[in-house]
Amino acid sequence: MCVVLLWFTNINIQFILNPYVVASYCTSCMTKIDKSITLKLHSIIEKCNLDKVDVNTRIHKLSNVFSMLNKCI
């Protein structure tokens, strides 16, 4: 629970009646495509290229944005 709170993710609590539905829900959350996330990540990459940011900082920036924007609803 502590990891979930630190990662700022949603907590979706429901009764589980069908294991297939749970697997389908988790799969759709993990594989969904969100255009806004893609656009934001591309803009960060372009800014890093212009500013000649080192690889470690680039990865750090991308992972921060991705983790904040990629939330399963």
PDB file of N, CA and C in Angstrom:
ATOM      1  N   MET A   1       0.827  -1.197   0.000  1.00  0.00           N
ATOM      2  CA  MET A   1       0.000   0.000   0.000  1.00  0.00           C
ATOM      3  C   MET A   1       0.867   1.255   0.000  1.00  0.00           C
ATOM      4  N   CYS A   2       1.963   1.214   0.725  1.00  0.00           N
ATOM      5  CA  CYS A   2       2.852   2.384   0.809  1.00  0.00           C
ATOM      6  C   CYS A   2       3.433   2.722  -0.562  1.00  0.00           C
ATOM      7  N   VAL A   3       3.802   1.695  -1.331  1.00  0.00           N
ATOM      8  CA  VAL A   3       4.358   1.920  -2.666  1.00  0.00           C
ATOM      9  C   VAL A   3       3.323   2.591  -3.550  1.00  0.00           C
ATOM     10  N   VAL A   4       2.074   2.170  -3.463  1.00  0.00           N
ATOM     11  CA  VAL A   4       1.005   2.752  -4.267  1.00  0.00           C
ATOM     12  C   VAL A   4       0.844   4.231  -3.940  1.00  0.00           C
ATOM     13  N   LEU A   5       0.901   4.572  -2.676  1.00  0.00           N
ATOM     14  CA  LEU A   5       0.747   5.972  -2.288  1.00  0.00           C
ATOM     15  C   LEU A   5       1.937   6.817  -2.724  1.00  0.00           C
ATOM     16  N   LEU A   6       3.122   6.244  -2.669  1.00  0.00           N
ATOM     17  CA  LEU A   6       4.311   6.980  -3.107  1.00  0.00           C
ATOM     18  C   LEU A   6       4.329   7.174  -4.612  1.00  0.00           C
ATOM     19  N   TRP A   7       3.730   6.257  -5.350  1.00  0.00           N
ATOM     20  CA  TRP A   7       3.749   6.315  -6.803  1.00  0.00           C
ATOM     21  C   TRP A   7       2.589   7.130  -7.346  1.00  0.00           C
ATOM     22  N   PHE A   8       1.728   7.638  -6.484  1.00  0.00           N
ATOM     23  CA  PHE A   8       0.587   8.475  -6.846  1.00  0.00           C
ATOM     24  C   PHE A   8      -0.327   7.786  -7.858  1.00  0.00           C
ATOM     25  N   THR A   9      -0.632   6.535  -7.625  1.00  0.00           N
ATOM     26  CA  THR A   9      -1.508   5.800  -8.539  1.00  0.00           C
ATOM     27  C   THR A   9      -2.919   5.733  -7.985  1.00  0.00           C
ATOM     28  N   ASN A  10      -3.821   5.355  -8.852  1.00  0.00           N
ATOM     29  CA  ASN A  10      -5.216   5.184  -8.438  1.00  0.00           C
ATOM     30  C   ASN A  10      -5.366   3.885  -7.660  1.00  0.00           C
ATOM     31  N   ILE A  11      -6.323   3.884  -6.765  1.00  0.00           N
ATOM     32  CA  ILE A  11      -6.668   2.664  -6.054  1.00  0.00           C
ATOM     33  C   ILE A  11      -8.099   2.328  -6.433  1.00  0.00           C
ATOM     34  N   ASN A  12      -8.266   1.220  -7.142  1.00  0.00           N
ATOM     35  CA  ASN A  12      -9.574   0.808  -7.624  1.00  0.00           C
ATOM     36  C   ASN A  12      -9.940  -0.491  -6.914  1.00  0.00           C
ATOM     37  N   ILE A  13     -10.851  -0.415  -5.945  1.00  0.00           N
ATOM     38  CA  ILE A  13     -11.239  -1.580  -5.161  1.00  0.00           C
ATOM     39  C   ILE A  13     -12.639  -2.004  -5.581  1.00  0.00           C
ATOM     40  N   GLN A  14     -12.749  -3.272  -6.015  1.00  0.00           N
ATOM     41  CA  GLN A  14     -14.025  -3.821  -6.465  1.00  0.00           C
ATOM     42  C   GLN A  14     -14.090  -5.293  -6.079  1.00  0.00           C
ATOM     43  N   PHE A  15     -15.306  -5.826  -6.013  1.00  0.00           N
ATOM     44  CA  PHE A  15     -15.470  -7.259  -5.821  1.00  0.00           C
ATOM     45  C   PHE A  15     -15.063  -7.971  -7.094  1.00  0.00           C
ATOM     46  N   ILE A  16     -14.342  -9.069  -6.964  1.00  0.00           N
ATOM     47  CA  ILE A  16     -13.906  -9.843  -8.110  1.00  0.00           C
ATOM     48  C   ILE A  16     -14.854 -11.021  -8.276  1.00  0.00           C
ATOM     49  N   LEU A  17     -15.604 -11.007  -9.366  1.00  0.00           N
ATOM     50  CA  LEU A  17     -16.549 -12.076  -9.639  1.00  0.00           C
ATOM     51  C   LEU A  17     -16.079 -12.995 -10.758  1.00  0.00           C
ATOM     52  N   ASN A  18     -15.177 -12.502 -11.597  1.00  0.00           N
ATOM     53  CA  ASN A  18     -14.739 -13.275 -12.748  1.00  0.00           C
ATOM     54  C   ASN A  18     -13.253 -13.009 -12.973  1.00  0.00           C
ATOM     55  N   PRO A  19     -12.394 -14.029 -12.847  1.00  0.00           N
ATOM     56  CA  PRO A  19     -10.956 -13.820 -13.024  1.00  0.00           C
ATOM     57  C   PRO A  19     -10.588 -13.308 -14.416  1.00  0.00           C
ATOM     58  N   TYR A  20     -11.348 -13.695 -15.435  1.00  0.00           N
ATOM     59  CA  TYR A  20     -11.068 -13.231 -16.796  1.00  0.00           C
ATOM     60  C   TYR A  20     -11.229 -11.712 -16.889  1.00  0.00           C
ATOM     61  N   VAL A  21     -12.239 -11.166 -16.232  1.00  0.00           N
ATOM     62  CA  VAL A  21     -12.478  -9.720 -16.262  1.00  0.00           C
ATOM     63  C   VAL A  21     -11.328  -8.980 -15.595  1.00  0.00           C
ATOM     64  N   VAL A  22     -10.791  -9.530 -14.511  1.00  0.00           N
ATOM     65  CA  VAL A  22      -9.651  -8.908 -13.832  1.00  0.00           C
ATOM     66  C   VAL A  22      -8.435  -8.880 -14.756  1.00  0.00           C
ATOM     67  N   ALA A  23      -8.155 -10.010 -15.392  1.00  0.00           N
ATOM     68  CA  ALA A  23      -7.015 -10.073 -16.313  1.00  0.00           C
ATOM     69  C   ALA A  23      -7.202  -9.116 -17.481  1.00  0.00           C
ATOM     70  N   SER A  24      -8.416  -9.040 -17.993  1.00  0.00           N
ATOM     71  CA  SER A  24      -8.711  -8.137 -19.107  1.00  0.00           C
ATOM     72  C   SER A  24      -8.543  -6.680 -18.686  1.00  0.00           C
ATOM     73  N   TYR A  25      -9.008  -6.340 -17.502  1.00  0.00           N
ATOM     74  CA  TYR A  25      -8.894  -4.963 -16.992  1.00  0.00           C
ATOM     75  C   TYR A  25      -7.425  -4.570 -16.806  1.00  0.00           C
ATOM     76  N   CYS A  26      -6.651  -5.440 -16.186  1.00  0.00           N
ATOM     77  CA  CYS A  26      -5.230  -5.141 -15.956  1.00  0.00           C
ATOM     78  C   CYS A  26      -4.474  -5.013 -17.275  1.00  0.00           C
ATOM     79  N   THR A  27      -4.766  -5.885 -18.215  1.00  0.00           N
ATOM     80  CA  THR A  27      -4.107  -5.832 -19.516  1.00  0.00           C
ATOM     81  C   THR A  27      -4.444  -4.544 -20.259  1.00  0.00           C
ATOM     82  N   SER A  28      -5.704  -4.146 -20.215  1.00  0.00           N
ATOM     83  CA  SER A  28      -6.090  -2.921 -20.920  1.00  0.00           C
ATOM     84  C   SER A  28      -5.455  -1.686 -20.283  1.00  0.00           C
ATOM     85  N   CYS A  29      -5.309  -1.691 -18.974  1.00  0.00           N
ATOM     86  CA  CYS A  29      -4.662  -0.557 -18.299  1.00  0.00           C
ATOM     87  C   CYS A  29      -3.182  -0.466 -18.657  1.00  0.00           C
ATOM     88  N   MET A  30      -2.520  -1.616 -18.701  1.00  0.00           N
ATOM     89  CA  MET A  30      -1.081  -1.614 -18.952  1.00  0.00           C
ATOM     90  C   MET A  30      -0.739  -1.335 -20.410  1.00  0.00           C
ATOM     91  N   THR A  31      -1.653  -1.631 -21.322  1.00  0.00           N
ATOM     92  CA  THR A  31      -1.332  -1.491 -22.743  1.00  0.00           C
ATOM     93  C   THR A  31      -2.070  -0.350 -23.432  1.00  0.00           C
ATOM     94  N   LYS A  32      -2.790   0.454 -22.679  1.00  0.00           N
ATOM     95  CA  LYS A  32      -3.552   1.539 -23.314  1.00  0.00           C
ATOM     96  C   LYS A  32      -2.603   2.578 -23.910  1.00  0.00           C
ATOM     97  N   ILE A  33      -3.047   3.188 -24.968  1.00  0.00           N
ATOM     98  CA  ILE A  33      -2.265   4.225 -25.640  1.00  0.00           C
ATOM     99  C   ILE A  33      -2.934   5.558 -25.350  1.00  0.00           C
ATOM    100  N   ASP A  34      -2.145   6.461 -24.845  1.00  0.00           N
ATOM    101  CA  ASP A  34      -2.661   7.786 -24.524  1.00  0.00           C
ATOM    102  C   ASP A  34      -1.874   8.806 -25.341  1.00  0.00           C
ATOM    103  N   LYS A  35      -2.553   9.471 -26.251  1.00  0.00           N
ATOM    104  CA  LYS A  35      -1.897  10.421 -27.160  1.00  0.00           C
ATOM    105  C   LYS A  35      -1.227  11.570 -26.395  1.00  0.00           C
ATOM    106  N   SER A  36      -1.838  12.012 -25.303  1.00  0.00           N
ATOM    107  CA  SER A  36      -1.255  13.129 -24.554  1.00  0.00           C
ATOM    108  C   SER A  36       0.086  12.749 -23.939  1.00  0.00           C
ATOM    109  N   ILE A  37       0.217  11.501 -23.474  1.00  0.00           N
ATOM    110  CA  ILE A  37       1.494  11.049 -22.913  1.00  0.00           C
ATOM    111  C   ILE A  37       2.553  11.018 -24.005  1.00  0.00           C
ATOM    112  N   THR A  38       2.190  10.487 -25.163  1.00  0.00           N
ATOM    113  CA  THR A  38       3.131  10.406 -26.278  1.00  0.00           C
ATOM    114  C   THR A  38       3.610  11.789 -26.694  1.00  0.00           C
ATOM    115  N   LEU A  39       2.690  12.727 -26.807  1.00  0.00           N
ATOM    116  CA  LEU A  39       3.061  14.094 -27.203  1.00  0.00           C
ATOM    117  C   LEU A  39       3.974  14.743 -26.165  1.00  0.00           C
ATOM    118  N   LYS A  40       3.663  14.550 -24.892  1.00  0.00           N
ATOM    119  CA  LYS A  40       4.485  15.141 -23.831  1.00  0.00           C
ATOM    120  C   LYS A  40       5.883  14.540 -23.826  1.00  0.00           C
ATOM    121  N   LEU A  41       5.987  13.221 -23.984  1.00  0.00           N
ATOM    122  CA  LEU A  41       7.303  12.580 -24.009  1.00  0.00           C
ATOM    123  C   LEU A  41       8.117  13.037 -25.219  1.00  0.00           C
ATOM    124  N   HIS A  42       7.466  13.195 -26.371  1.00  0.00           N
ATOM    125  CA  HIS A  42       8.175  13.694 -27.556  1.00  0.00           C
ATOM    126  C   HIS A  42       8.673  15.120 -27.333  1.00  0.00           C
ATOM    127  N   SER A  43       7.874  15.939 -26.689  1.00  0.00           N
ATOM    128  CA  SER A  43       8.314  17.316 -26.438  1.00  0.00           C
ATOM    129  C   SER A  43       9.503  17.358 -25.483  1.00  0.00           C
ATOM    130  N   ILE A  44       9.526  16.461 -24.504  1.00  0.00           N
ATOM    131  CA  ILE A  44      10.661  16.413 -23.583  1.00  0.00           C
ATOM    132  C   ILE A  44      11.919  15.945 -24.311  1.00  0.00           C
ATOM    133  N   ILE A  45      11.773  14.965 -25.185  1.00  0.00           N
ATOM    134  CA  ILE A  45      12.919  14.485 -25.959  1.00  0.00           C
ATOM    135  C   ILE A  45      13.474  15.594 -26.837  1.00  0.00           C
ATOM    136  N   GLU A  46      12.599  16.343 -27.492  1.00  0.00           N
ATOM    137  CA  GLU A  46      13.051  17.450 -28.335  1.00  0.00           C
ATOM    138  C   GLU A  46      13.766  18.516 -27.515  1.00  0.00           C
ATOM    139  N   LYS A  47      13.230  18.838 -26.350  1.00  0.00           N
ATOM    140  CA  LYS A  47      13.860  19.846 -25.494  1.00  0.00           C
ATOM    141  C   LYS A  47      15.223  19.357 -25.005  1.00  0.00           C
ATOM    142  N   CYS A  48      15.311  18.085 -24.651  1.00  0.00           N
ATOM    143  CA  CYS A  48      16.592  17.519 -24.221  1.00  0.00           C
ATOM    144  C   CYS A  48      17.615  17.537 -25.349  1.00  0.00           C
ATOM    145  N   ASN A  49      17.158  17.274 -26.570  1.00  0.00           N
ATOM    146  CA  ASN A  49      18.064  17.321 -27.723  1.00  0.00           C
ATOM    147  C   ASN A  49      18.585  18.731 -27.955  1.00  0.00           C
ATOM    148  N   LEU A  50      17.706  19.719 -27.832  1.00  0.00           N
ATOM    149  CA  LEU A  50      18.126  21.106 -28.034  1.00  0.00           C
ATOM    150  C   LEU A  50      19.092  21.575 -26.943  1.00  0.00           C
ATOM    151  N   ASP A  51      18.823  21.141 -25.702  1.00  0.00           N
ATOM    152  CA  ASP A  51      19.655  21.563 -24.568  1.00  0.00           C
ATOM    153  C   ASP A  51      20.883  20.681 -24.368  1.00  0.00           C
ATOM    154  N   LYS A  52      21.024  19.643 -25.198  1.00  0.00           N
ATOM    155  CA  LYS A  52      22.140  18.693 -25.104  1.00  0.00           C
ATOM    156  C   LYS A  52      22.279  18.121 -23.699  1.00  0.00           C
ATOM    157  N   VAL A  53      21.171  17.598 -23.199  1.00  0.00           N
ATOM    158  CA  VAL A  53      21.106  17.021 -21.861  1.00  0.00           C
ATOM    159  C   VAL A  53      21.740  15.628 -21.882  1.00  0.00           C
ATOM    160  N   ASP A  54      22.467  15.287 -20.806  1.00  0.00           N
ATOM    161  CA  ASP A  54      23.096  13.968 -20.746  1.00  0.00           C
ATOM    162  C   ASP A  54      22.040  12.871 -20.589  1.00  0.00           C
ATOM    163  N   VAL A  55      22.452  11.640 -20.835  1.00  0.00           N
ATOM    164  CA  VAL A  55      21.524  10.510 -20.879  1.00  0.00           C
ATOM    165  C   VAL A  55      20.843  10.280 -19.532  1.00  0.00           C
ATOM    166  N   ASN A  56      21.572  10.361 -18.444  1.00  0.00           N
ATOM    167  CA  ASN A  56      20.981  10.120 -17.127  1.00  0.00           C
ATOM    168  C   ASN A  56      19.876  11.119 -16.810  1.00  0.00           C
ATOM    169  N   THR A  57      20.112  12.377 -17.076  1.00  0.00           N
ATOM    170  CA  THR A  57      19.098  13.399 -16.828  1.00  0.00           C
ATOM    171  C   THR A  57      17.909  13.204 -17.746  1.00  0.00           C
ATOM    172  N   ARG A  58      18.161  12.840 -18.985  1.00  0.00           N
ATOM    173  CA  ARG A  58      17.091  12.595 -19.958  1.00  0.00           C
ATOM    174  C   ARG A  58      16.179  11.464 -19.481  1.00  0.00           C
ATOM    175  N   ILE A  59      16.770  10.358 -19.057  1.00  0.00           N
ATOM    176  CA  ILE A  59      15.984   9.224 -18.569  1.00  0.00           C
ATOM    177  C   ILE A  59      15.206   9.611 -17.322  1.00  0.00           C
ATOM    178  N   HIS A  60      15.826  10.360 -16.447  1.00  0.00           N
ATOM    179  CA  HIS A  60      15.156  10.806 -15.225  1.00  0.00           C
ATOM    180  C   HIS A  60      13.941  11.671 -15.562  1.00  0.00           C
ATOM    181  N   LYS A  61      14.096  12.610 -16.467  1.00  0.00           N
ATOM    182  CA  LYS A  61      12.975  13.476 -16.861  1.00  0.00           C
ATOM    183  C   LYS A  61      11.848  12.677 -17.498  1.00  0.00           C
ATOM    184  N   LEU A  62      12.199  11.780 -18.413  1.00  0.00           N
ATOM    185  CA  LEU A  62      11.177  10.968 -19.088  1.00  0.00           C
ATOM    186  C   LEU A  62      10.442  10.059 -18.115  1.00  0.00           C
ATOM    187  N   SER A  63      11.164   9.430 -17.212  1.00  0.00           N
ATOM    188  CA  SER A  63      10.510   8.519 -16.268  1.00  0.00           C
ATOM    189  C   SER A  63       9.605   9.269 -15.301  1.00  0.00           C
ATOM    190  N   ASN A  64      10.012  10.469 -14.886  1.00  0.00           N
ATOM    191  CA  ASN A  64       9.150  11.262 -14.002  1.00  0.00           C
ATOM    192  C   ASN A  64       7.838  11.634 -14.687  1.00  0.00           C
ATOM    193  N   VAL A  65       7.928  12.107 -15.902  1.00  0.00           N
ATOM    194  CA  VAL A  65       6.721  12.502 -16.630  1.00  0.00           C
ATOM    195  C   VAL A  65       5.852  11.297 -16.923  1.00  0.00           C
ATOM    196  N   PHE A  66       6.475  10.203 -17.345  1.00  0.00           N
ATOM    197  CA  PHE A  66       5.707   9.005 -17.674  1.00  0.00           C
ATOM    198  C   PHE A  66       4.968   8.468 -16.448  1.00  0.00           C
ATOM    199  N   SER A  67       5.640   8.426 -15.307  1.00  0.00           N
ATOM    200  CA  SER A  67       4.984   7.896 -14.117  1.00  0.00           C
ATOM    201  C   SER A  67       3.869   8.801 -13.616  1.00  0.00           C
ATOM    202  N   MET A  68       3.993  10.108 -13.825  1.00  0.00           N
ATOM    203  CA  MET A  68       2.934  11.022 -13.387  1.00  0.00           C
ATOM    204  C   MET A  68       1.726  11.004 -14.345  1.00  0.00           C
ATOM    205  N   LEU A  69       1.977  10.802 -15.632  1.00  0.00           N
ATOM    206  CA  LEU A  69       0.905  10.857 -16.603  1.00  0.00           C
ATOM    207  C   LEU A  69       0.241   9.513 -16.886  1.00  0.00           C
ATOM    208  N   ASN A  70       0.953   8.440 -16.675  1.00  0.00           N
ATOM    209  CA  ASN A  70       0.432   7.120 -17.025  1.00  0.00           C
ATOM    210  C   ASN A  70      -0.273   6.502 -15.818  1.00  0.00           C
ATOM    211  N   LYS A  71      -1.529   6.853 -15.642  1.00  0.00           N
ATOM    212  CA  LYS A  71      -2.312   6.337 -14.538  1.00  0.00           C
ATOM    213  C   LYS A  71      -3.508   5.596 -15.088  1.00  0.00           C
ATOM    214  N   CYS A  72      -3.775   4.471 -14.533  1.00  0.00           N
ATOM    215  CA  CYS A  72      -4.912   3.659 -14.983  1.00  0.00           C
ATOM    216  C   CYS A  72      -6.174   4.162 -14.306  1.00  0.00           C
ATOM    217  N   ILE A  73      -7.168   4.465 -15.112  1.00  0.00           N
ATOM    218  CA  ILE A  73      -8.435   4.996 -14.573  1.00  0.00           C
ATOM    219  C   ILE A  73      -9.447   3.878 -14.484  1.00  0.00           C
TER     220      ILE A  73
END
